[in-house]
Amino acid sequence: GLTDSPYSLRSIGEHLASSGFEVVGLRLPGHGTAPSGLLKFRV
């Protein structure tokens, strides 16, 4: 989600991987680094 990071869905991802799925937790632009990323990113 907005202002979040891939950690948000970690538990779901780990469960799906344990069930045989390839799982990618994508870090969306502007996130996971510093709040300044919220100043410039676009949809």
All heavy atoms as atom14 arrays in JSON, in Angstrom:
{
  "sequence": "GLTDSPYSLRSIGEHLASSGFEVVGLRLPGHGTAPSGLLKFRV",
  "atom14_mask": [
    [1, 1, 1, 1, 0, 0, 0, 0, 0, 0, 0, 0, 0, 0],
    [1, 1, 1, 1, 1, 1, 1, 1, 0, 0, 0, 0, 0, 0],
    [1, 1, 1, 1, 1, 1, 1, 0, 0, 0, 0, 0, 0, 0],
    [1, 1, 1, 1, 1, 1, 1, 1, 0, 0, 0, 0, 0, 0],
    [1, 1, 1, 1, 1, 1, 0, 0, 0, 0, 0, 0, 0, 0],
    [1, 1, 1, 1, 1, 1, 1, 0, 0, 0, 0, 0, 0, 0],
    [1, 1, 1, 1, 1, 1, 1, 1, 1, 1, 1, 1, 0, 0],
    [1, 1, 1, 1, 1, 1, 0, 0, 0, 0, 0, 0, 0, 0],
    [1, 1, 1, 1, 1, 1, 1, 1, 0, 0, 0, 0, 0, 0],
    [1, 1, 1, 1, 1, 1, 1, 1, 1, 1, 1, 0, 0, 0],
    [1, 1, 1, 1, 1, 1, 0, 0, 0, 0, 0, 0, 0, 0],
    [1, 1, 1, 1, 1, 1, 1, 1, 0, 0, 0, 0, 0, 0],
    [1, 1, 1, 1, 0, 0, 0, 0, 0, 0, 0, 0, 0, 0],
    [1, 1, 1, 1, 1, 1, 1, 1, 1, 0, 0, 0, 0, 0],
    [1, 1, 1, 1, 1, 1, 1, 1, 1, 1, 0, 0, 0, 0],
    [1, 1, 1, 1, 1, 1, 1, 1, 0, 0, 0, 0, 0, 0],
    [1, 1, 1, 1, 1, 0, 0, 0, 0, 0, 0, 0, 0, 0],
    [1, 1, 1, 1, 1, 1, 0, 0, 0, 0, 0, 0, 0, 0],
    [1, 1, 1, 1, 1, 1, 0, 0, 0, 0, 0, 0, 0, 0],
    [1, 1, 1, 1, 0, 0, 0, 0, 0, 0, 0, 0, 0, 0],
    [1, 1, 1, 1, 1, 1, 1, 1, 1, 1, 1, 0, 0, 0],
    [1, 1, 1, 1, 1, 1, 1, 1, 1, 0, 0, 0, 0, 0],
    [1, 1, 1, 1, 1, 1, 1, 0, 0, 0, 0, 0, 0, 0],
    [1, 1, 1, 1, 1, 1, 1, 0, 0, 0, 0, 0, 0, 0],
    [1, 1, 1, 1, 0, 0, 0, 0, 0, 0, 0, 0, 0, 0],
    [1, 1, 1, 1, 1, 1, 1, 1, 0, 0, 0, 0, 0, 0],
    [1, 1, 1, 1, 1, 1, 1, 1, 1, 1, 1, 0, 0, 0],
    [1, 1, 1, 1, 1, 1, 1, 1, 0, 0, 0, 0, 0, 0],
    [1, 1, 1, 1, 1, 1, 1, 0, 0, 0, 0, 0, 0, 0],
    [1, 1, 1, 1, 0, 0, 0, 0, 0, 0, 0, 0, 0, 0],
    [1, 1, 1, 1, 1, 1, 1, 1, 1, 1, 0, 0, 0, 0],
    [1, 1, 1, 1, 0, 0, 0, 0, 0, 0, 0, 0, 0, 0],
    [1, 1, 1, 1, 1, 1, 1, 0, 0, 0, 0, 0, 0, 0],
    [1, 1, 1, 1, 1, 0, 0, 0, 0, 0, 0, 0, 0, 0],
    [1, 1, 1, 1, 1, 1, 1, 0, 0, 0, 0, 0, 0, 0],
    [1, 1, 1, 1, 1, 1, 0, 0, 0, 0, 0, 0, 0, 0],
    [1, 1, 1, 1, 0, 0, 0, 0, 0, 0, 0, 0, 0, 0],
    [1, 1, 1, 1, 1, 1, 1, 1, 0, 0, 0, 0, 0, 0],
    [1, 1, 1, 1, 1, 1, 1, 1, 0, 0, 0, 0, 0, 0],
    [1, 1, 1, 1, 1, 1, 1, 1, 1, 0, 0, 0, 0, 0],
    [1, 1, 1, 1, 1, 1, 1, 1, 1, 1, 1, 0, 0, 0],
    [1, 1, 1, 1, 1, 1, 1, 1, 1, 1, 1, 0, 0, 0],
    [1, 1, 1, 1, 1, 1, 1, 0, 0, 0, 0, 0, 0, 0]
  ],
  "atom14_positions": [
    [[0.8, -1.22, 0.0], [0.0, 0.0, 0.0], [0.83, 1.27, 0.0], [2.07, 1.24, 0.01], [0.0, 0.0, 0.0], [0.0, 0.0, 0.0], [0.0, 0.0, 0.0], [0.0, 0.0, 0.0], [0.0, 0.0, 0.0], [0.0, 0.0, 0.0], [0.0, 0.0, 0.0], [0.0, 0.0, 0.0], [0.0, 0.0, 0.0], [0.0, 0.0, 0.0]],
    [[0.13, 2.4, -0.01], [0.76, 3.71, 0.0], [1.47, 3.92, 1.33], [0.91, 3.64, 2.39], [-0.32, 4.78, -0.19], [0.16, 6.2, -0.48], [0.83, 6.28, -1.84], [-1.01, 7.18, -0.41], [0.0, 0.0, 0.0], [0.0, 0.0, 0.0], [0.0, 0.0, 0.0], [0.0, 0.0, 0.0], [0.0, 0.0, 0.0], [0.0, 0.0, 0.0]],
    [[2.7, 4.41, 1.27], [3.62, 4.64, 2.4], [4.15, 3.34, 2.98], [4.96, 3.38, 3.9], [3.0, 5.48, 3.54], [2.11, 4.7, 4.32], [2.3, 6.73, 3.01], [0.0, 0.0, 0.0], [0.0, 0.0, 0.0], [0.0, 0.0, 0.0], [0.0, 0.0, 0.0], [0.0, 0.0, 0.0], [0.0, 0.0, 0.0], [0.0, 0.0, 0.0]],
    [[3.72, 2.18, 2.47], [4.13, 0.9, 3.02], [5.36, 0.35, 2.29], [6.04, 1.06, 1.56], [2.97, -0.09, 2.94], [1.81, 0.3, 3.84], [2.03, 0.51, 5.04], [0.68, 0.42, 3.33], [0.0, 0.0, 0.0], [0.0, 0.0, 0.0], [0.0, 0.0, 0.0], [0.0, 0.0, 0.0], [0.0, 0.0, 0.0], [0.0, 0.0, 0.0]],
    [[5.58, -0.93, 2.46], [6.7, -1.62, 1.83], [6.29, -3.06, 1.57], [5.22, -3.5, 2.02], [7.93, -1.59, 2.76], [7.69, -2.43, 3.88], [0.0, 0.0, 0.0], [0.0, 0.0, 0.0], [0.0, 0.0, 0.0], [0.0, 0.0, 0.0], [0.0, 0.0, 0.0], [0.0, 0.0, 0.0], [0.0, 0.0, 0.0], [0.0, 0.0, 0.0]],
    [[7.11, -3.85, 0.88], [6.76, -5.25, 0.64], [6.55, -6.07, 1.91], [5.99, -7.16, 1.85], [7.96, -5.77, -0.16], [8.47, -4.57, -0.89], [8.3, -3.44, 0.08], [0.0, 0.0, 0.0], [0.0, 0.0, 0.0], [0.0, 0.0, 0.0], [0.0, 0.0, 0.0], [0.0, 0.0, 0.0], [0.0, 0.0, 0.0], [0.0, 0.0, 0.0]],
    [[6.96, -5.54, 3.06], [6.72, -6.24, 4.33], [5.23, -6.46, 4.57], [4.85, -7.45, 5.21], [7.31, -5.43, 5.49], [7.2, -6.13, 6.82], [8.13, -7.09, 7.2], [6.17, -5.82, 7.71], [8.03, -7.74, 8.43], [6.07, -6.47, 8.94], [7.0, -7.43, 9.3], [6.9, -8.07, 10.51], [0.0, 0.0, 0.0], [0.0, 0.0, 0.0]],
    [[4.38, -5.59, 4.03], [2.95, -5.63, 4.32], [2.33, -6.99, 4.04], [1.47, -7.45, 4.79], [2.2, -4.56, 3.51], [2.64, -3.28, 3.84], [0.0, 0.0, 0.0], [0.0, 0.0, 0.0], [0.0, 0.0, 0.0], [0.0, 0.0, 0.0], [0.0, 0.0, 0.0], [0.0, 0.0, 0.0], [0.0, 0.0, 0.0], [0.0, 0.0, 0.0]],
    [[2.74, -7.64, 2.96], [2.14, -8.91, 2.55], [3.11, -10.07, 2.74], [2.96, -11.12, 2.1], [1.64, -8.82, 1.11], [0.5, -7.83, 0.89], [0.21, -7.64, -0.58], [-0.76, -8.29, 1.62], [0.0, 0.0, 0.0], [0.0, 0.0, 0.0], [0.0, 0.0, 0.0], [0.0, 0.0, 0.0], [0.0, 0.0, 0.0], [0.0, 0.0, 0.0]],
    [[4.09, -9.89, 3.6], [5.1, -10.92, 3.84], [4.48, -12.24, 4.29], [4.82, -13.31, 3.77], [6.08, -10.43, 4.91], [7.16, -11.44, 5.3], [7.92, -10.96, 6.52], [7.06, -10.87, 7.69], [6.85, -11.87, 8.55], [7.46, -13.02, 8.37], [6.07, -11.71, 9.6], [0.0, 0.0, 0.0], [0.0, 0.0, 0.0], [0.0, 0.0, 0.0]],
    [[3.55, -12.2, 5.23], [2.97, -13.45, 5.76], [2.2, -14.19, 4.68], [2.27, -15.43, 4.59], [2.06, -13.16, 6.95], [0.95, -12.37, 6.57], [0.0, 0.0, 0.0], [0.0, 0.0, 0.0], [0.0, 0.0, 0.0], [0.0, 0.0, 0.0], [0.0, 0.0, 0.0], [0.0, 0.0, 0.0], [0.0, 0.0, 0.0], [0.0, 0.0, 0.0]],
    [[1.48, -13.46, 3.84], [0.75, -14.08, 2.73], [1.73, -14.66, 1.72], [1.56, -15.78, 1.21], [-0.2, -13.06, 2.09], [-1.36, -12.75, 3.03], [-0.71, -13.55, 0.73], [-2.3, -11.68, 2.53], [0.0, 0.0, 0.0], [0.0, 0.0, 0.0], [0.0, 0.0, 0.0], [0.0, 0.0, 0.0], [0.0, 0.0, 0.0], [0.0, 0.0, 0.0]],
    [[2.79, -13.92, 1.43], [3.79, -14.39, 0.47], [4.49, -15.65, 0.95], [4.69, -16.6, 0.17], [0.0, 0.0, 0.0], [0.0, 0.0, 0.0], [0.0, 0.0, 0.0], [0.0, 0.0, 0.0], [0.0, 0.0, 0.0], [0.0, 0.0, 0.0], [0.0, 0.0, 0.0], [0.0, 0.0, 0.0], [0.0, 0.0, 0.0], [0.0, 0.0, 0.0]],
    [[4.87, -15.67, 2.21], [5.55, -16.85, 2.74], [4.64, -18.07, 2.73], [5.08, -19.19, 2.46], [6.06, -16.56, 4.16], [7.23, -15.58, 4.19], [7.72, -15.28, 5.59], [6.92, -15.41, 6.55], [8.89, -14.89, 5.72], [0.0, 0.0, 0.0], [0.0, 0.0, 0.0], [0.0, 0.0, 0.0], [0.0, 0.0, 0.0], [0.0, 0.0, 0.0]],
    [[3.35, -17.85, 3.01], [2.41, -18.97, 2.98], [2.25, -19.5, 1.55], [2.26, -20.72, 1.33], [1.05, -18.55, 3.53], [0.05, -19.66, 3.49], [0.03, -20.69, 4.4], [-0.97, -19.9, 2.61], [-0.95, -21.53, 4.1], [-1.58, -21.07, 3.03], [0.0, 0.0, 0.0], [0.0, 0.0, 0.0], [0.0, 0.0, 0.0], [0.0, 0.0, 0.0]],
    [[2.11, -18.61, 0.59], [1.95, -19.06, -0.79], [3.2, -19.78, -1.29], [3.11, -20.77, -2.01], [1.62, -17.86, -1.69], [0.21, -17.27, -1.53], [0.08, -15.99, -2.34], [-0.85, -18.28, -1.95], [0.0, 0.0, 0.0], [0.0, 0.0, 0.0], [0.0, 0.0, 0.0], [0.0, 0.0, 0.0], [0.0, 0.0, 0.0], [0.0, 0.0, 0.0]],
    [[4.38, -19.28, -0.9], [5.62, -19.95, -1.31], [5.7, -21.35, -0.7], [6.12, -22.31, -1.36], [6.83, -19.11, -0.89], [0.0, 0.0, 0.0], [0.0, 0.0, 0.0], [0.0, 0.0, 0.0], [0.0, 0.0, 0.0], [0.0, 0.0, 0.0], [0.0, 0.0, 0.0], [0.0, 0.0, 0.0], [0.0, 0.0, 0.0], [0.0, 0.0, 0.0]],
    [[5.26, -21.49, 0.55], [5.27, -22.81, 1.19], [4.27, -23.75, 0.54], [4.37, -24.97, 0.7], [4.96, -22.68, 2.69], [3.58, -22.34, 2.89], [0.0, 0.0, 0.0], [0.0, 0.0, 0.0], [0.0, 0.0, 0.0], [0.0, 0.0, 0.0], [0.0, 0.0, 0.0], [0.0, 0.0, 0.0], [0.0, 0.0, 0.0], [0.0, 0.0, 0.0]],
    [[3.33, -23.19, -0.22], [2.3, -23.99, -0.9], [2.66, -24.28, -2.35], [1.83, -24.82, -3.09], [0.95, -23.28, -0.84], [0.59, -22.99, 0.49], [0.0, 0.0, 0.0], [0.0, 0.0, 0.0], [0.0, 0.0, 0.0], [0.0, 0.0, 0.0], [0.0, 0.0, 0.0], [0.0, 0.0, 0.0], [0.0, 0.0, 0.0], [0.0, 0.0, 0.0]],
    [[3.87, -23.87, -2.77], [4.3, -24.21, -4.11], [4.22, -23.11, -5.14], [4.33, -23.37, -6.34], [0.0, 0.0, 0.0], [0.0, 0.0, 0.0], [0.0, 0.0, 0.0], [0.0, 0.0, 0.0], [0.0, 0.0, 0.0], [0.0, 0.0, 0.0], [0.0, 0.0, 0.0], [0.0, 0.0, 0.0], [0.0, 0.0, 0.0], [0.0, 0.0, 0.0]],
    [[4.05, -21.86, -4.71], [3.94, -20.73, -5.64], [5.25, -19.94, -5.69], [5.92, -19.75, -4.67], [2.81, -19.78, -5.22], [1.44, -20.29, -5.51], [0.78, -21.11, -4.59], [0.8, -19.97, -6.69], [-0.49, -21.57, -4.85], [-0.48, -20.45, -6.96], [-1.13, -21.25, -6.05], [0.0, 0.0, 0.0], [0.0, 0.0, 0.0], [0.0, 0.0, 0.0]],
    [[5.6, -19.5, -6.9], [6.63, -18.47, -7.05], [6.01, -17.16, -6.57], [4.9, -16.8, -6.97], [7.03, -18.3, -8.52], [7.72, -19.49, -9.14], [9.23, -19.42, -8.99], [9.73, -18.39, -8.49], [9.9, -20.4, -9.37], [0.0, 0.0, 0.0], [0.0, 0.0, 0.0], [0.0, 0.0, 0.0], [0.0, 0.0, 0.0], [0.0, 0.0, 0.0]],
    [[6.71, -16.43, -5.71], [6.13, -15.22, -5.12], [7.1, -14.06, -5.3], [8.28, -14.17, -4.97], [5.83, -15.41, -3.62], [5.32, -14.11, -3.01], [4.81, -16.53, -3.42], [0.0, 0.0, 0.0], [0.0, 0.0, 0.0], [0.0, 0.0, 0.0], [0.0, 0.0, 0.0], [0.0, 0.0, 0.0], [0.0, 0.0, 0.0], [0.0, 0.0, 0.0]],
    [[6.57, -12.95, -5.8], [7.34, -11.71, -5.89], [6.62, -10.64, -5.09], [5.45, -10.35, -5.34], [7.5, -11.24, -7.35], [8.07, -9.82, -7.4], [8.41, -12.19, -8.12], [0.0, 0.0, 0.0], [0.0, 0.0, 0.0], [0.0, 0.0, 0.0], [0.0, 0.0, 0.0], [0.0, 0.0, 0.0], [0.0, 0.0, 0.0], [0.0, 0.0, 0.0]],
    [[7.31, -10.11, -4.08], [6.82, -8.95, -3.34], [7.47, -7.72, -3.93], [8.67, -7.49, -3.73], [0.0, 0.0, 0.0], [0.0, 0.0, 0.0], [0.0, 0.0, 0.0], [0.0, 0.0, 0.0], [0.0, 0.0, 0.0], [0.0, 0.0, 0.0], [0.0, 0.0, 0.0], [0.0, 0.0, 0.0], [0.0, 0.0, 0.0], [0.0, 0.0, 0.0]],
    [[6.72, -6.95, -4.68], [7.27, -5.83, -5.45], [7.33, -4.56, -4.62], [6.32, -4.14, -4.05], [6.42, -5.59, -6.7], [6.92, -4.54, -7.69], [8.21, -4.99, -8.37], [5.84, -4.24, -8.73], [0.0, 0.0, 0.0], [0.0, 0.0, 0.0], [0.0, 0.0, 0.0], [0.0, 0.0, 0.0], [0.0, 0.0, 0.0], [0.0, 0.0, 0.0]],
    [[8.51, -3.94, -4.55], [8.61, -2.61, -3.95], [8.19, -1.59, -5.0], [8.79, -1.48, -6.06], [10.05, -2.32, -3.5], [10.2, -0.97, -2.78], [11.65, -0.52, -2.78], [12.14, -0.3, -4.13], [11.99, 0.82, -4.81], [11.37, 1.85, -4.28], [12.46, 0.93, -6.04], [0.0, 0.0, 0.0], [0.0, 0.0, 0.0], [0.0, 0.0, 0.0]],
    [[7.15, -0.85, -4.7], [6.65, 0.14, -5.65], [7.48, 1.42, -5.6], [8.02, 1.77, -4.55], [5.18, 0.45, -5.36], [4.23, -0.74, -5.59], [2.86, -0.47, -4.98], [4.1, -1.04, -7.08], [0.0, 0.0, 0.0], [0.0, 0.0, 0.0], [0.0, 0.0, 0.0], [0.0, 0.0, 0.0], [0.0, 0.0, 0.0], [0.0, 0.0, 0.0]],
    [[7.61, 2.12, -6.71], [8.42, 3.35, -6.74], [8.01, 4.35, -5.67], [6.83, 4.52, -5.37], [8.14, 3.9, -8.15], [7.81, 2.7, -8.97], [7.06, 1.79, -8.03], [0.0, 0.0, 0.0], [0.0, 0.0, 0.0], [0.0, 0.0, 0.0], [0.0, 0.0, 0.0], [0.0, 0.0, 0.0], [0.0, 0.0, 0.0], [0.0, 0.0, 0.0]],
    [[9.02, 4.99, -5.08], [8.79, 5.98, -4.03], [8.72, 5.39, -2.64], [8.61, 6.13, -1.67], [0.0, 0.0, 0.0], [0.0, 0.0, 0.0], [0.0, 0.0, 0.0], [0.0, 0.0, 0.0], [0.0, 0.0, 0.0], [0.0, 0.0, 0.0], [0.0, 0.0, 0.0], [0.0, 0.0, 0.0], [0.0, 0.0, 0.0], [0.0, 0.0, 0.0]],
    [[8.79, 4.08, -2.52], [8.56, 3.42, -1.24], [9.78, 2.62, -0.79], [10.66, 2.29, -1.57], [7.34, 2.51, -1.35], [6.06, 3.25, -1.53], [5.7, 3.83, -2.74], [5.06, 3.56, -0.67], [4.52, 4.44, -2.6], [4.12, 4.29, -1.37], [0.0, 0.0, 0.0], [0.0, 0.0, 0.0], [0.0, 0.0, 0.0], [0.0, 0.0, 0.0]],
    [[9.8, 2.33, 0.52], [10.83, 1.48, 1.09], [12.16, 2.16, 1.36], [13.06, 1.54, 1.91], [0.0, 0.0, 0.0], [0.0, 0.0, 0.0], [0.0, 0.0, 0.0], [0.0, 0.0, 0.0], [0.0, 0.0, 0.0], [0.0, 0.0, 0.0], [0.0, 0.0, 0.0], [0.0, 0.0, 0.0], [0.0, 0.0, 0.0], [0.0, 0.0, 0.0]],
    [[12.3, 3.42, 0.99], [13.59, 4.11, 1.13], [13.48, 5.23, 2.17], [13.79, 5.03, 3.32], [14.03, 4.66, -0.23], [12.98, 5.49, -0.79], [14.34, 3.54, -1.21], [0.0, 0.0, 0.0], [0.0, 0.0, 0.0], [0.0, 0.0, 0.0], [0.0, 0.0, 0.0], [0.0, 0.0, 0.0], [0.0, 0.0, 0.0], [0.0, 0.0, 0.0]],
    [[13.05, 6.39, 1.73], [12.87, 7.55, 2.6], [11.58, 8.25, 2.23], [11.13, 8.18, 1.07], [14.05, 8.52, 2.46], [0.0, 0.0, 0.0], [0.0, 0.0, 0.0], [0.0, 0.0, 0.0], [0.0, 0.0, 0.0], [0.0, 0.0, 0.0], [0.0, 0.0, 0.0], [0.0, 0.0, 0.0], [0.0, 0.0, 0.0], [0.0, 0.0, 0.0]],
    [[10.93, 8.93, 3.19], [9.66, 9.6, 2.88], [9.76, 10.59, 1.72], [8.74, 10.89, 1.09], [9.32, 10.32, 4.19], [10.04, 9.58, 5.24], [11.3, 9.06, 4.61], [0.0, 0.0, 0.0], [0.0, 0.0, 0.0], [0.0, 0.0, 0.0], [0.0, 0.0, 0.0], [0.0, 0.0, 0.0], [0.0, 0.0, 0.0], [0.0, 0.0, 0.0]],
    [[10.95, 11.08, 1.42], [11.11, 12.0, 0.29], [10.65, 11.37, -1.01], [10.33, 12.08, -1.97], [12.57, 12.44, 0.17], [13.42, 11.31, -0.01], [0.0, 0.0, 0.0], [0.0, 0.0, 0.0], [0.0, 0.0, 0.0], [0.0, 0.0, 0.0], [0.0, 0.0, 0.0], [0.0, 0.0, 0.0], [0.0, 0.0, 0.0], [0.0, 0.0, 0.0]],
    [[10.61, 10.04, -1.06], [10.09, 9.37, -2.25], [8.64, 9.69, -2.52], [8.18, 9.56, -3.67], [0.0, 0.0, 0.0], [0.0, 0.0, 0.0], [0.0, 0.0, 0.0], [0.0, 0.0, 0.0], [0.0, 0.0, 0.0], [0.0, 0.0, 0.0], [0.0, 0.0, 0.0], [0.0, 0.0, 0.0], [0.0, 0.0, 0.0], [0.0, 0.0, 0.0]],
    [[7.91, 10.15, -1.5], [6.5, 10.5, -1.67], [6.3, 11.85, -2.32], [5.18, 12.24, -2.63], [5.79, 10.5, -0.31], [5.78, 9.19, 0.47], [5.06, 9.37, 1.8], [5.12, 8.07, -0.35], [0.0, 0.0, 0.0], [0.0, 0.0, 0.0], [0.0, 0.0, 0.0], [0.0, 0.0, 0.0], [0.0, 0.0, 0.0], [0.0, 0.0, 0.0]],
    [[7.39, 12.58, -2.55], [7.27, 13.93, -3.12], [7.15, 13.93, -4.63], [6.58, 14.84, -5.21], [8.48, 14.79, -2.72], [8.66, 15.08, -1.23], [9.97, 15.83, -1.0], [7.48, 15.89, -0.7], [0.0, 0.0, 0.0], [0.0, 0.0, 0.0], [0.0, 0.0, 0.0], [0.0, 0.0, 0.0], [0.0, 0.0, 0.0], [0.0, 0.0, 0.0]],
    [[7.69, 12.9, -5.29], [7.83, 12.95, -6.74], [7.14, 11.81, -7.5], [6.9, 11.93, -8.69], [9.31, 12.94, -7.12], [10.12, 14.12, -6.57], [9.67, 15.44, -7.17], [10.54, 16.6, -6.68], [10.08, 17.9, -7.22], [0.0, 0.0, 0.0], [0.0, 0.0, 0.0], [0.0, 0.0, 0.0], [0.0, 0.0, 0.0], [0.0, 0.0, 0.0]],
    [[6.85, 10.68, -6.85], [6.34, 9.54, -7.6], [5.0, 9.86, -8.25], [4.25, 10.72, -7.79], [6.21, 8.31, -6.68], [4.92, 8.27, -5.91], [3.82, 7.58, -6.38], [4.8, 8.93, -4.68], [2.63, 7.54, -5.68], [3.62, 8.9, -3.96], [2.53, 8.2, -4.46], [0.0, 0.0, 0.0], [0.0, 0.0, 0.0], [0.0, 0.0, 0.0]],
    [[4.7, 9.14, -9.31], [3.45, 9.31, -10.04], [2.74, 7.97, -10.17], [3.37, 6.91, -10.1], [3.71, 9.88, -11.44], [4.51, 11.17, -11.46], [3.7, 12.36, -11.05], [2.76, 12.74, -12.11], [1.82, 13.67, -11.98], [1.67, 14.3, -10.82], [1.03, 13.98, -12.98], [0.0, 0.0, 0.0], [0.0, 0.0, 0.0], [0.0, 0.0, 0.0]],
    [[1.45, 8.01, -10.39], [0.68, 6.78, -10.62], [1.28, 5.98, -11.74], [1.39, 4.75, -11.68], [-0.8, 7.13, -10.93], [-1.54, 5.91, -11.46], [-1.5, 7.68, -9.69], [0.0, 0.0, 0.0], [0.0, 0.0, 0.0], [0.0, 0.0, 0.0], [0.0, 0.0, 0.0], [0.0, 0.0, 0.0], [0.0, 0.0, 0.0], [0.0, 0.0, 0.0]]
  ]
}
